[in-house]
Amino acid sequence: AAREARVFGTDTGSETLDATGVAVEEAGGDWHGEVADAGS
């Protein structure tokens, strides 16, 4: 995000993803999060 990346983040819980989204946007990146199971 410090490089102004557009970050699409996935994980199994929305709360942790939301926290990462806040950190990404504060660092200068764009954020999109989706709940997903990497094993699916």
PDB file of all heavy atoms in Angstrom:
ATOM      1  N   ALA A   1       0.825  -1.205   0.000  1.00  0.00           N
ATOM      2  CA  ALA A   1       0.000   0.000   0.000  1.00  0.00           C
ATOM      3  C   ALA A   1       0.858   1.253   0.000  1.00  0.00           C
ATOM      4  O   ALA A   1       0.461   2.288  -0.559  1.00  0.00           O
ATOM      5  CB  ALA A   1      -0.922  -0.002   1.213  1.00  0.00           C
ATOM      6  N   ALA A   2       2.034   1.179   0.604  1.00  0.00           N
ATOM      7  CA  ALA A   2       2.956   2.321   0.591  1.00  0.00           C
ATOM      8  C   ALA A   2       3.411   2.649  -0.829  1.00  0.00           C
ATOM      9  O   ALA A   2       3.901   3.749  -1.085  1.00  0.00           O
ATOM     10  CB  ALA A   2       4.163   2.028   1.480  1.00  0.00           C
ATOM     11  N   ARG A   3       3.231   1.699  -1.755  1.00  0.00           N
ATOM     12  CA  ARG A   3       3.521   1.920  -3.172  1.00  0.00           C
ATOM     13  C   ARG A   3       2.248   2.247  -3.951  1.00  0.00           C
ATOM     14  O   ARG A   3       2.221   2.156  -5.169  1.00  0.00           O
ATOM     15  CB  ARG A   3       4.171   0.676  -3.774  1.00  0.00           C
ATOM     16  CG  ARG A   3       5.426   0.207  -3.044  1.00  0.00           C
ATOM     17  CD  ARG A   3       5.848  -1.135  -3.607  1.00  0.00           C
ATOM     18  NE  ARG A   3       7.035  -1.642  -2.920  1.00  0.00           N
ATOM     19  CZ  ARG A   3       8.036  -2.249  -3.517  1.00  0.00           C
ATOM     20  NH1 ARG A   3       8.000  -2.438  -4.826  1.00  0.00           N
ATOM     21  NH2 ARG A   3       9.067  -2.684  -2.841  1.00  0.00           N
ATOM     22  N   GLU A   4       1.195   2.592  -3.211  1.00  0.00           N
ATOM     23  CA  GLU A   4      -0.107   2.916  -3.795  1.00  0.00           C
ATOM     24  C   GLU A   4      -0.717   1.722  -4.529  1.00  0.00           C
ATOM     25  O   GLU A   4      -1.407   1.873  -5.537  1.00  0.00           O
ATOM     26  CB  GLU A   4      -0.021   4.131  -4.724  1.00  0.00           C
ATOM     27  CG  GLU A   4       0.477   5.384  -4.021  1.00  0.00           C
ATOM     28  CD  GLU A   4       0.503   6.592  -4.939  1.00  0.00           C
ATOM     29  OE1 GLU A   4       0.587   6.406  -6.170  1.00  0.00           O
ATOM     30  OE2 GLU A   4       0.428   7.713  -4.420  1.00  0.00           O
ATOM     31  N   ALA A   5      -0.470   0.526  -3.998  1.00  0.00           N
ATOM     32  CA  ALA A   5      -1.008  -0.682  -4.621  1.00  0.00           C
ATOM     33  C   ALA A   5      -2.519  -0.743  -4.472  1.00  0.00           C
ATOM     34  O   ALA A   5      -3.115  -0.196  -3.541  1.00  0.00           O
ATOM     35  CB  ALA A   5      -0.378  -1.917  -3.986  1.00  0.00           C
ATOM     36  N   ARG A   6      -3.128  -1.439  -5.413  1.00  0.00           N
ATOM     37  CA  ARG A   6      -4.534  -1.808  -5.314  1.00  0.00           C
ATOM     38  C   ARG A   6      -4.552  -3.235  -4.783  1.00  0.00           C
ATOM     39  O   ARG A   6      -4.131  -4.160  -5.474  1.00  0.00           O
ATOM     40  CB  ARG A   6      -5.194  -1.713  -6.686  1.00  0.00           C
ATOM     41  CG  ARG A   6      -5.329  -0.284  -7.198  1.00  0.00           C
ATOM     42  CD  ARG A   6      -5.631  -0.229  -8.676  1.00  0.00           C
ATOM     43  NE  ARG A   6      -4.435  -0.499  -9.480  1.00  0.00           N
ATOM     44  CZ  ARG A   6      -4.446  -0.568 -10.814  1.00  0.00           C
ATOM     45  NH1 ARG A   6      -5.582  -0.440 -11.477  1.00  0.00           N
ATOM     46  NH2 ARG A   6      -3.322  -0.789 -11.472  1.00  0.00           N
ATOM     47  N   VAL A   7      -5.011  -3.398  -3.565  1.00  0.00           N
ATOM     48  CA  VAL A   7      -4.889  -4.676  -2.858  1.00  0.00           C
ATOM     49  C   VAL A   7      -6.252  -5.348  -2.735  1.00  0.00           C
ATOM     50  O   VAL A   7      -7.203  -4.771  -2.215  1.00  0.00           O
ATOM     51  CB  VAL A   7      -4.278  -4.482  -1.460  1.00  0.00           C
ATOM     52  CG1 VAL A   7      -4.134  -5.836  -0.759  1.00  0.00           C
ATOM     53  CG2 VAL A   7      -2.934  -3.764  -1.540  1.00  0.00           C
ATOM     54  N   PHE A   8      -6.308  -6.566  -3.222  1.00  0.00           N
ATOM     55  CA  PHE A   8      -7.490  -7.425  -3.089  1.00  0.00           C
ATOM     56  C   PHE A   8      -7.105  -8.480  -2.051  1.00  0.00           C
ATOM     57  O   PHE A   8      -6.298  -9.356  -2.320  1.00  0.00           O
ATOM     58  CB  PHE A   8      -7.792  -8.074  -4.436  1.00  0.00           C
ATOM     59  CG  PHE A   8      -9.119  -8.783  -4.536  1.00  0.00           C
ATOM     60  CD1 PHE A   8     -10.015  -8.463  -5.547  1.00  0.00           C
ATOM     61  CD2 PHE A   8      -9.476  -9.789  -3.649  1.00  0.00           C
ATOM     62  CE1 PHE A   8     -11.231  -9.109  -5.674  1.00  0.00           C
ATOM     63  CE2 PHE A   8     -10.682 -10.441  -3.759  1.00  0.00           C
ATOM     64  CZ  PHE A   8     -11.567 -10.106  -4.779  1.00  0.00           C
ATOM     65  N   GLY A   9      -7.672  -8.362  -0.847  1.00  0.00           N
ATOM     66  CA  GLY A   9      -7.300  -9.268   0.230  1.00  0.00           C
ATOM     67  C   GLY A   9      -8.393 -10.265   0.542  1.00  0.00           C
ATOM     68  O   GLY A   9      -9.587  -9.930   0.513  1.00  0.00           O
ATOM     69  N   THR A  10      -7.994 -11.490   0.826  1.00  0.00           N
ATOM     70  CA  THR A  10      -8.966 -12.514   1.208  1.00  0.00           C
ATOM     71  C   THR A  10      -8.554 -13.163   2.515  1.00  0.00           C
ATOM     72  O   THR A  10      -7.370 -13.216   2.865  1.00  0.00           O
ATOM     73  CB  THR A  10      -9.102 -13.622   0.139  1.00  0.00           C
ATOM     74  OG1 THR A  10      -7.995 -14.527   0.240  1.00  0.00           O
ATOM     75  CG2 THR A  10      -9.146 -13.030  -1.259  1.00  0.00           C
ATOM     76  N   ASP A  11      -9.532 -13.629   3.252  1.00  0.00           N
ATOM     77  CA  ASP A  11      -9.302 -14.399   4.477  1.00  0.00           C
ATOM     78  C   ASP A  11     -10.638 -15.016   4.859  1.00  0.00           C
ATOM     79  O   ASP A  11     -11.662 -14.781   4.199  1.00  0.00           O
ATOM     80  CB  ASP A  11      -8.742 -13.519   5.601  1.00  0.00           C
ATOM     81  CG  ASP A  11      -7.790 -14.294   6.508  1.00  0.00           C
ATOM     82  OD1 ASP A  11      -8.099 -15.466   6.841  1.00  0.00           O
ATOM     83  OD2 ASP A  11      -6.733 -13.757   6.884  1.00  0.00           O
ATOM     84  N   THR A  12     -10.654 -15.762   5.947  1.00  0.00           N
ATOM     85  CA  THR A  12     -11.874 -16.468   6.334  1.00  0.00           C
ATOM     86  C   THR A  12     -12.768 -15.663   7.266  1.00  0.00           C
ATOM     87  O   THR A  12     -13.860 -16.106   7.591  1.00  0.00           O
ATOM     88  CB  THR A  12     -11.525 -17.806   7.014  1.00  0.00           C
ATOM     89  OG1 THR A  12     -10.631 -17.556   8.102  1.00  0.00           O
ATOM     90  CG2 THR A  12     -10.867 -18.749   6.026  1.00  0.00           C
ATOM     91  N   GLY A  13     -12.295 -14.494   7.713  1.00  0.00           N
ATOM     92  CA  GLY A  13     -13.108 -13.673   8.614  1.00  0.00           C
ATOM     93  C   GLY A  13     -13.174 -12.231   8.167  1.00  0.00           C
ATOM     94  O   GLY A  13     -12.170 -11.640   7.783  1.00  0.00           O
ATOM     95  N   SER A  14     -14.371 -11.647   8.219  1.00  0.00           N
ATOM     96  CA  SER A  14     -14.540 -10.271   7.747  1.00  0.00           C
ATOM     97  C   SER A  14     -13.935  -9.245   8.695  1.00  0.00           C
ATOM     98  O   SER A  14     -13.447  -8.199   8.252  1.00  0.00           O
ATOM     99  CB  SER A  14     -16.035  -9.975   7.550  1.00  0.00           C
ATOM    100  OG  SER A  14     -16.749 -10.159   8.756  1.00  0.00           O
ATOM    101  N   GLU A  15     -13.934  -9.511   9.999  1.00  0.00           N
ATOM    102  CA  GLU A  15     -13.404  -8.526  10.950  1.00  0.00           C
ATOM    103  C   GLU A  15     -11.915  -8.304  10.750  1.00  0.00           C
ATOM    104  O   GLU A  15     -11.446  -7.154  10.757  1.00  0.00           O
ATOM    105  CB  GLU A  15     -13.692  -8.974  12.388  1.00  0.00           C
ATOM    106  CG  GLU A  15     -15.160  -8.875  12.777  1.00  0.00           C
ATOM    107  CD  GLU A  15     -15.384  -9.201  14.231  1.00  0.00           C
ATOM    108  OE1 GLU A  15     -14.382  -9.300  14.980  1.00  0.00           O
ATOM    109  OE2 GLU A  15     -16.552  -9.341  14.633  1.00  0.00           O
ATOM    110  N   THR A  16     -11.167  -9.376  10.583  1.00  0.00           N
ATOM    111  CA  THR A  16      -9.723  -9.213  10.377  1.00  0.00           C
ATOM    112  C   THR A  16      -9.438  -8.552   9.035  1.00  0.00           C
ATOM    113  O   THR A  16      -8.514  -7.736   8.917  1.00  0.00           O
ATOM    114  CB  THR A  16      -9.009 -10.569  10.453  1.00  0.00           C
ATOM    115  OG1 THR A  16      -9.583 -11.480   9.494  1.00  0.00           O
ATOM    116  CG2 THR A  16      -9.114 -11.172  11.841  1.00  0.00           C
ATOM    117  N   LEU A  17     -10.234  -8.885   8.028  1.00  0.00           N
ATOM    118  CA  LEU A  17     -10.064  -8.244   6.726  1.00  0.00           C
ATOM    119  C   LEU A  17     -10.347  -6.750   6.815  1.00  0.00           C
ATOM    120  O   LEU A  17      -9.637  -5.931   6.221  1.00  0.00           O
ATOM    121  CB  LEU A  17     -10.993  -8.877   5.694  1.00  0.00           C
ATOM    122  CG  LEU A  17     -10.525 -10.172   5.048  1.00  0.00           C
ATOM    123  CD1 LEU A  17     -11.609 -10.703   4.115  1.00  0.00           C
ATOM    124  CD2 LEU A  17      -9.231  -9.990   4.278  1.00  0.00           C
ATOM    125  N   ASP A  18     -11.376  -6.381   7.557  1.00  0.00           N
ATOM    126  CA  ASP A  18     -11.705  -4.963   7.710  1.00  0.00           C
ATOM    127  C   ASP A  18     -10.553  -4.211   8.366  1.00  0.00           C
ATOM    128  O   ASP A  18     -10.232  -3.077   7.964  1.00  0.00           O
ATOM    129  CB  ASP A  18     -12.983  -4.798   8.542  1.00  0.00           C
ATOM    130  CG  ASP A  18     -14.237  -5.249   7.796  1.00  0.00           C
ATOM    131  OD1 ASP A  18     -14.160  -5.409   6.560  1.00  0.00           O
ATOM    132  OD2 ASP A  18     -15.265  -5.454   8.457  1.00  0.00           O
ATOM    133  N   ALA A  19      -9.922  -4.826   9.363  1.00  0.00           N
ATOM    134  CA  ALA A  19      -8.797  -4.180  10.042  1.00  0.00           C
ATOM    135  C   ALA A  19      -7.626  -3.990   9.084  1.00  0.00           C
ATOM    136  O   ALA A  19      -6.958  -2.949   9.089  1.00  0.00           O
ATOM    137  CB  ALA A  19      -8.376  -5.009  11.243  1.00  0.00           C
ATOM    138  N   THR A  20      -7.371  -4.987   8.248  1.00  0.00           N
ATOM    139  CA  THR A  20      -6.314  -4.843   7.251  1.00  0.00           C
ATOM    140  C   THR A  20      -6.669  -3.752   6.251  1.00  0.00           C
ATOM    141  O   THR A  20      -5.806  -2.956   5.842  1.00  0.00           O
ATOM    142  CB  THR A  20      -6.081  -6.175   6.509  1.00  0.00           C
ATOM    143  OG1 THR A  20      -5.686  -7.181   7.446  1.00  0.00           O
ATOM    144  CG2 THR A  20      -4.994  -6.030   5.444  1.00  0.00           C
ATOM    145  N   GLY A  21      -7.934  -3.688   5.857  1.00  0.00           N
ATOM    146  CA  GLY A  21      -8.373  -2.664   4.923  1.00  0.00           C
ATOM    147  C   GLY A  21      -8.112  -1.265   5.436  1.00  0.00           C
ATOM    148  O   GLY A  21      -7.656  -0.382   4.685  1.00  0.00           O
ATOM    149  N   VAL A  22      -8.374  -1.029   6.709  1.00  0.00           N
ATOM    150  CA  VAL A  22      -8.101   0.277   7.313  1.00  0.00           C
ATOM    151  C   VAL A  22      -6.614   0.590   7.240  1.00  0.00           C
ATOM    152  O   VAL A  22      -6.201   1.700   6.864  1.00  0.00           O
ATOM    153  CB  VAL A  22      -8.603   0.311   8.772  1.00  0.00           C
ATOM    154  CG1 VAL A  22      -8.126   1.579   9.467  1.00  0.00           C
ATOM    155  CG2 VAL A  22     -10.117   0.210   8.825  1.00  0.00           C
ATOM    156  N   ALA A  23      -5.776  -0.389   7.582  1.00  0.00           N
ATOM    157  CA  ALA A  23      -4.326  -0.184   7.559  1.00  0.00           C
ATOM    158  C   ALA A  23      -3.817   0.088   6.146  1.00  0.00           C
ATOM    159  O   ALA A  23      -2.927   0.924   5.943  1.00  0.00           O
ATOM    160  CB  ALA A  23      -3.618  -1.410   8.152  1.00  0.00           C
ATOM    161  N   VAL A  24      -4.370  -0.625   5.174  1.00  0.00           N
ATOM    162  CA  VAL A  24      -3.960  -0.436   3.778  1.00  0.00           C
ATOM    163  C   VAL A  24      -4.301   0.975   3.304  1.00  0.00           C
ATOM    164  O   VAL A  24      -3.476   1.670   2.696  1.00  0.00           O
ATOM    165  CB  VAL A  24      -4.626  -1.491   2.866  1.00  0.00           C
ATOM    166  CG1 VAL A  24      -4.533  -1.099   1.395  1.00  0.00           C
ATOM    167  CG2 VAL A  24      -3.973  -2.860   3.078  1.00  0.00           C
ATOM    168  N   GLU A  25      -5.516   1.419   3.597  1.00  0.00           N
ATOM    169  CA  GLU A  25      -5.939   2.747   3.141  1.00  0.00           C
ATOM    170  C   GLU A  25      -5.161   3.853   3.854  1.00  0.00           C
ATOM    171  O   GLU A  25      -4.821   4.874   3.245  1.00  0.00           O
ATOM    172  CB  GLU A  25      -7.446   2.893   3.335  1.00  0.00           C
ATOM    173  CG  GLU A  25      -8.220   2.003   2.355  1.00  0.00           C
ATOM    174  CD  GLU A  25      -9.718   2.004   2.601  1.00  0.00           C
ATOM    175  OE1 GLU A  25     -10.163   2.572   3.629  1.00  0.00           O
ATOM    176  OE2 GLU A  25     -10.456   1.438   1.754  1.00  0.00           O
ATOM    177  N   GLU A  26      -4.843   3.642   5.132  1.00  0.00           N
ATOM    178  CA  GLU A  26      -4.040   4.626   5.852  1.00  0.00           C
ATOM    179  C   GLU A  26      -2.627   4.717   5.279  1.00  0.00           C
ATOM    180  O   GLU A  26      -1.993   5.778   5.333  1.00  0.00           O
ATOM    181  CB  GLU A  26      -3.975   4.264   7.337  1.00  0.00           C
ATOM    182  CG  GLU A  26      -5.275   4.514   8.090  1.00  0.00           C
ATOM    183  CD  GLU A  26      -5.200   4.095   9.538  1.00  0.00           C
ATOM    184  OE1 GLU A  26      -4.219   3.412   9.914  1.00  0.00           O
ATOM    185  OE2 GLU A  26      -6.121   4.450  10.311  1.00  0.00           O
ATOM    186  N   ALA A  27      -2.135   3.610   4.717  1.00  0.00           N
ATOM    187  CA  ALA A  27      -0.784   3.584   4.151  1.00  0.00           C
ATOM    188  C   ALA A  27      -0.738   4.108   2.722  1.00  0.00           C
ATOM    189  O   ALA A  27       0.340   4.213   2.129  1.00  0.00           O
ATOM    190  CB  ALA A  27      -0.219   2.164   4.204  1.00  0.00           C
ATOM    191  N   GLY A  28      -1.900   4.401   2.132  1.00  0.00           N
ATOM    192  CA  GLY A  28      -1.917   4.993   0.796  1.00  0.00           C
ATOM    193  C   GLY A  28      -2.379   4.080  -0.320  1.00  0.00           C
ATOM    194  O   GLY A  28      -2.280   4.435  -1.499  1.00  0.00           O
ATOM    195  N   GLY A  29      -2.890   2.894   0.018  1.00  0.00           N
ATOM    196  CA  GLY A  29      -3.345   1.965  -1.011  1.00  0.00           C
ATOM    197  C   GLY A  29      -4.849   1.943  -1.149  1.00  0.00           C
ATOM    198  O   GLY A  29      -5.575   2.517  -0.337  1.00  0.00           O
ATOM    199  N   ASP A  30      -5.314   1.286  -2.197  1.00  0.00           N
ATOM    200  CA  ASP A  30      -6.741   1.019  -2.383  1.00  0.00           C
ATOM    201  C   ASP A  30      -7.014  -0.401  -1.895  1.00  0.00           C
ATOM    202  O   ASP A  30      -6.185  -1.303  -2.076  1.00  0.00           O
ATOM    203  CB  ASP A  30      -7.127   1.137  -3.858  1.00  0.00           C
ATOM    204  CG  ASP A  30      -7.036   2.568  -4.364  1.00  0.00           C
ATOM    205  OD1 ASP A  30      -7.158   3.489  -3.537  1.00  0.00           O
ATOM    206  OD2 ASP A  30      -6.833   2.751  -5.578  1.00  0.00           O
ATOM    207  N   TRP A  31      -8.183  -0.623  -1.336  1.00  0.00           N
ATOM    208  CA  TRP A  31      -8.481  -1.911  -0.706  1.00  0.00           C
ATOM    209  C   TRP A  31      -9.805  -2.478  -1.173  1.00  0.00           C
ATOM    210  O   TRP A  31     -10.800  -1.765  -1.318  1.00  0.00           O
ATOM    211  CB  TRP A  31      -8.521  -1.737   0.814  1.00  0.00           C
ATOM    212  CG  TRP A  31      -9.042  -2.940   1.552  1.00  0.00           C
ATOM    213  CD1 TRP A  31     -10.281  -3.099   2.096  1.00  0.00           C
ATOM    214  CD2 TRP A  31      -8.343  -4.162   1.814  1.00  0.00           C
ATOM    215  NE1 TRP A  31     -10.393  -4.337   2.696  1.00  0.00           N
ATOM    216  CE2 TRP A  31      -9.214  -5.008   2.536  1.00  0.00           C
ATOM    217  CE3 TRP A  31      -7.063  -4.622   1.509  1.00  0.00           C
ATOM    218  CZ2 TRP A  31      -8.854  -6.279   2.958  1.00  0.00           C
ATOM    219  CZ3 TRP A  31      -6.696  -5.895   1.929  1.00  0.00           C
ATOM    220  CH2 TRP A  31      -7.581  -6.710   2.647  1.00  0.00           C
ATOM    221  N   HIS A  32      -9.783  -3.782  -1.393  1.00  0.00           N
ATOM    222  CA  HIS A  32     -11.003  -4.553  -1.594  1.00  0.00           C
ATOM    223  C   HIS A  32     -10.816  -5.874  -0.869  1.00  0.00           C
ATOM    224  O   HIS A  32      -9.836  -6.590  -1.109  1.00  0.00           O
ATOM    225  CB  HIS A  32     -11.255  -4.815  -3.076  1.00  0.00           C
ATOM    226  CG  HIS A  32     -12.457  -5.679  -3.317  1.00  0.00           C
ATOM    227  ND1 HIS A  32     -13.745  -5.182  -3.334  1.00  0.00           N
ATOM    228  CD2 HIS A  32     -12.574  -7.027  -3.523  1.00  0.00           C
ATOM    229  CE1 HIS A  32     -14.600  -6.167  -3.537  1.00  0.00           C
ATOM    230  NE2 HIS A  32     -13.920  -7.292  -3.658  1.00  0.00           N
ATOM    231  N   GLY A  33     -11.714  -6.201   0.037  1.00  0.00           N
ATOM    232  CA  GLY A  33     -11.611  -7.442   0.781  1.00  0.00           C
ATOM    233  C   GLY A  33     -12.792  -8.355   0.526  1.00  0.00           C
ATOM    234  O   GLY A  33     -13.921  -7.883   0.390  1.00  0.00           O
ATOM    235  N   GLU A  34     -12.517  -9.643   0.453  1.00  0.00           N
ATOM    236  CA  GLU A  34     -13.580 -10.632   0.309  1.00  0.00           C
ATOM    237  C   GLU A  34     -13.279 -11.843   1.178  1.00  0.00           C
ATOM    238  O   GLU A  34     -12.137 -12.322   1.208  1.00  0.00           O
ATOM    239  CB  GLU A  34     -13.716 -11.092  -1.153  1.00  0.00           C
ATOM    240  CG  GLU A  34     -14.405 -10.093  -2.060  1.00  0.00           C
ATOM    241  CD  GLU A  34     -14.829 -10.704  -3.397  1.00  0.00           C
ATOM    242  OE1 GLU A  34     -14.965 -11.952  -3.463  1.00  0.00           O
ATOM    243  OE2 GLU A  34     -15.009  -9.935  -4.352  1.00  0.00           O
ATOM    244  N   VAL A  35     -14.303 -12.316   1.874  1.00  0.00           N
ATOM    245  CA  VAL A  35     -14.160 -13.549   2.655  1.00  0.00           C
ATOM    246  C   VAL A  35     -14.088 -14.719   1.683  1.00  0.00           C
ATOM    247  O   VAL A  35     -14.933 -14.863   0.796  1.00  0.00           O
ATOM    248  CB  VAL A  35     -15.344 -13.719   3.621  1.00  0.00           C
ATOM    249  CG1 VAL A  35     -15.286 -15.082   4.308  1.00  0.00           C
ATOM    250  CG2 VAL A  35     -15.349 -12.597   4.655  1.00  0.00           C
ATOM    251  N   ALA A  36     -13.052 -15.531   1.835  1.00  0.00           N
ATOM    252  CA  ALA A  36     -12.875 -16.690   0.954  1.00  0.00           C
ATOM    253  C   ALA A  36     -12.013 -17.720   1.665  1.00  0.00           C
ATOM    254  O   ALA A  36     -11.174 -17.390   2.506  1.00  0.00           O
ATOM    255  CB  ALA A  36     -12.218 -16.282  -0.362  1.00  0.00           C
ATOM    256  N   ASP A  37     -12.223 -18.969   1.321  1.00  0.00           N
ATOM    257  CA  ASP A  37     -11.453 -20.093   1.854  1.00  0.00           C
ATOM    258  C   ASP A  37     -10.414 -20.487   0.818  1.00  0.00           C
ATOM    259  O   ASP A  37     -10.761 -20.911  -0.292  1.00  0.00           O
ATOM    260  CB  ASP A  37     -12.400 -21.262   2.144  1.00  0.00           C
ATOM    261  CG  ASP A  37     -11.690 -22.495   2.648  1.00  0.00           C
ATOM    262  OD1 ASP A  37     -10.444 -22.478   2.784  1.00  0.00           O
ATOM    263  OD2 ASP A  37     -12.384 -23.501   2.909  1.00  0.00           O
ATOM    264  N   ALA A  38      -9.132 -20.340   1.159  1.00  0.00           N
ATOM    265  CA  ALA A  38      -8.063 -20.657   0.205  1.00  0.00           C
ATOM    266  C   ALA A  38      -8.093 -22.118  -0.221  1.00  0.00           C
ATOM    267  O   ALA A  38      -7.570 -22.463  -1.287  1.00  0.00           O
ATOM    268  CB  ALA A  38      -6.699 -20.328   0.811  1.00  0.00           C
ATOM    269  N   GLY A  39      -8.710 -22.978   0.573  1.00  0.00           N
ATOM    270  CA  GLY A  39      -8.783 -24.387   0.222  1.00  0.00           C
ATOM    271  C   GLY A  39      -9.998 -24.763  -0.595  1.00  0.00           C
ATOM    272  O   GLY A  39     -10.241 -25.957  -0.826  1.00  0.00           O
ATOM    273  N   SER A  40     -10.757 -23.775  -1.050  1.00  0.00           N
ATOM    274  CA  SER A  40     -11.981 -24.037  -1.813  1.00  0.00           C
ATOM    275  C   SER A  40     -11.789 -23.682  -3.279  1.00  0.00           C
ATOM    276  O   SER A  40     -11.552 -22.517  -3.616  1.00  0.00           O
ATOM    277  CB  SER A  40     -13.146 -23.210  -1.234  1.00  0.00           C
ATOM    278  OG  SER A  40     -14.240 -23.182  -2.134  1.00  0.00           O
TER     279      SER A  40
END
